[in-house]
N, C-alpha and C. Protein backbone atom coordinates (compact mmCIF):
# COMPACT_ATOMS: atom_id res chain seq x y z
N UNK A 1 0.83 -1.18 0.00
CA UNK A 1 0.00 0.00 0.00
C UNK A 1 0.88 1.26 0.00
N UNK A 2 2.01 1.21 0.68
CA UNK A 2 2.92 2.36 0.71
C UNK A 2 3.44 2.66 -0.69
N UNK A 3 3.71 1.61 -1.48
CA UNK A 3 4.18 1.82 -2.84
C UNK A 3 3.10 2.47 -3.69
N UNK A 4 1.85 2.09 -3.46
CA UNK A 4 0.75 2.68 -4.23
C UNK A 4 0.64 4.18 -3.95
N UNK A 5 0.76 4.54 -2.68
CA UNK A 5 0.67 5.96 -2.32
C UNK A 5 1.86 6.72 -2.93
N UNK A 6 3.03 6.13 -2.85
CA UNK A 6 4.22 6.76 -3.40
C UNK A 6 4.06 6.95 -4.91
N UNK A 7 3.52 5.95 -5.59
CA UNK A 7 3.30 6.06 -7.04
C UNK A 7 2.26 7.14 -7.36
N UNK A 8 1.22 7.25 -6.52
CA UNK A 8 0.19 8.27 -6.75
C UNK A 8 0.79 9.66 -6.59
N UNK A 9 1.62 9.83 -5.57
CA UNK A 9 2.23 11.14 -5.33
C UNK A 9 3.18 11.48 -6.47
N UNK A 10 3.98 10.53 -6.89
CA UNK A 10 4.93 10.77 -7.96
C UNK A 10 4.21 11.13 -9.25
N UNK A 11 3.17 10.43 -9.60
CA UNK A 11 2.46 10.72 -10.83
C UNK A 11 1.74 12.07 -10.74
N UNK A 12 1.26 12.42 -9.54
CA UNK A 12 0.58 13.71 -9.37
C UNK A 12 1.57 14.85 -9.56
N UNK A 13 2.78 14.70 -9.04
CA UNK A 13 3.80 15.73 -9.18
C UNK A 13 4.19 15.89 -10.64
N UNK A 14 4.27 14.82 -11.35
CA UNK A 14 4.65 14.89 -12.76
C UNK A 14 3.58 15.57 -13.60
N UNK A 15 2.32 15.42 -13.23
CA UNK A 15 1.21 15.95 -14.02
C UNK A 15 0.90 17.41 -13.66
N UNK A 16 1.30 17.83 -12.47
CA UNK A 16 0.95 19.18 -12.01
C UNK A 16 1.56 20.23 -12.95
N UNK A 17 0.75 21.21 -13.36
CA UNK A 17 1.27 22.24 -14.26
C UNK A 17 2.21 23.20 -13.52
N UNK A 18 3.03 23.86 -14.28
CA UNK A 18 3.93 24.85 -13.70
C UNK A 18 3.11 26.05 -13.23
N UNK A 19 3.60 26.71 -12.21
CA UNK A 19 2.90 27.89 -11.72
C UNK A 19 2.91 28.99 -12.79
N UNK A 20 1.78 29.64 -12.94
CA UNK A 20 1.67 30.73 -13.91
C UNK A 20 1.98 32.03 -13.19
N UNK A 21 2.92 32.77 -13.73
CA UNK A 21 3.28 34.06 -13.14
C UNK A 21 2.67 35.15 -14.02
N UNK A 22 1.71 35.89 -13.46
CA UNK A 22 1.05 36.94 -14.21
C UNK A 22 1.87 38.23 -14.10
N UNK A 23 1.95 39.00 -15.18
CA UNK A 23 2.65 40.29 -15.08
C UNK A 23 1.87 41.23 -14.17
N UNK A 24 2.55 42.24 -13.66
CA UNK A 24 1.89 43.18 -12.77
C UNK A 24 0.73 43.85 -13.49
N UNK A 25 -0.42 43.83 -12.84
CA UNK A 25 -1.62 44.41 -13.43
C UNK A 25 -1.58 45.93 -13.23
N UNK A 26 -1.84 46.70 -14.28
CA UNK A 26 -1.83 48.15 -14.09
C UNK A 26 -2.96 48.59 -13.16
N UNK A 27 -2.73 49.64 -12.46
CA UNK A 27 -3.71 50.13 -11.50
C UNK A 27 -4.91 50.72 -12.23
N UNK A 28 -6.10 50.45 -11.73
CA UNK A 28 -7.32 51.00 -12.31
C UNK A 28 -7.71 52.33 -11.68
N UNK A 29 -6.99 52.73 -10.64
CA UNK A 29 -7.34 53.98 -9.96
C UNK A 29 -6.91 55.17 -10.81
N UNK A 30 -7.68 56.24 -10.80
CA UNK A 30 -7.31 57.41 -11.60
C UNK A 30 -6.06 58.08 -11.04
N UNK A 31 -5.32 58.71 -11.91
CA UNK A 31 -4.12 59.40 -11.43
C UNK A 31 -4.54 60.68 -10.72
N UNK A 32 -3.82 61.01 -9.67
CA UNK A 32 -4.14 62.19 -8.89
C UNK A 32 -3.48 63.42 -9.51
N UNK A 33 -4.22 64.50 -9.52
CA UNK A 33 -3.70 65.75 -10.05
C UNK A 33 -3.45 66.71 -8.90
N UNK A 34 -2.45 67.56 -9.00
CA UNK A 34 -2.19 68.50 -7.92
C UNK A 34 -3.32 69.52 -7.80
N UNK A 35 -3.55 69.97 -6.59
CA UNK A 35 -4.59 70.96 -6.35
C UNK A 35 -3.98 72.34 -6.57
N UNK A 36 -4.59 73.10 -7.46
CA UNK A 36 -4.09 74.45 -7.74
C UNK A 36 -4.54 75.38 -6.62
N UNK A 37 -3.59 76.08 -6.03
CA UNK A 37 -3.92 77.03 -4.97
C UNK A 37 -4.30 78.37 -5.58
N UNK A 38 -5.20 79.06 -4.90
CA UNK A 38 -5.61 80.37 -5.38
C UNK A 38 -4.53 81.38 -5.05
N UNK A 39 -4.65 82.56 -5.65
CA UNK A 39 -3.65 83.61 -5.42
C UNK A 39 -3.64 84.03 -3.96
N UNK A 40 -2.49 84.46 -3.49
CA UNK A 40 -2.35 84.91 -2.10
C UNK A 40 -3.18 86.17 -1.84
N UNK A 41 -3.42 86.98 -2.87
CA UNK A 41 -4.17 88.22 -2.69
C UNK A 41 -5.58 87.95 -2.17
N UNK A 42 -6.21 86.91 -2.66
CA UNK A 42 -7.57 86.59 -2.23
C UNK A 42 -7.59 86.22 -0.74
N UNK A 43 -6.57 85.52 -0.27
CA UNK A 43 -6.52 85.15 1.14
C UNK A 43 -6.31 86.39 2.02
N UNK A 44 -5.51 87.32 1.53
CA UNK A 44 -5.27 88.55 2.30
C UNK A 44 -6.56 89.36 2.45
N UNK A 45 -7.37 89.41 1.41
CA UNK A 45 -8.62 90.16 1.46
C UNK A 45 -9.59 89.51 2.44
N UNK A 46 -9.65 88.20 2.47
CA UNK A 46 -10.55 87.49 3.38
C UNK A 46 -10.16 87.76 4.84
N UNK A 47 -8.87 87.81 5.12
CA UNK A 47 -8.40 88.03 6.49
C UNK A 47 -8.74 89.44 6.98
N UNK A 48 -8.68 90.42 6.11
CA UNK A 48 -8.91 91.80 6.53
C UNK A 48 -10.40 92.07 6.77
N UNK A 49 -11.31 91.27 6.17
CA UNK A 49 -12.74 91.48 6.34
C UNK A 49 -13.23 90.99 7.69
N UNK A 50 -12.56 90.09 8.33
CA UNK A 50 -13.02 89.49 9.59
C UNK A 50 -12.86 90.42 10.75
């Protein structure tokens, strides 16, 4: 019975396919864009009104 199990394992190893290595999948997330800041003059006007 031990020989039968050994033969089953050996044949299974021989039949097993090689591991498939997939290339890196590109990201589906959108690229981030920088946030444009407003002019400093507008901030100065807001501060003086308070």
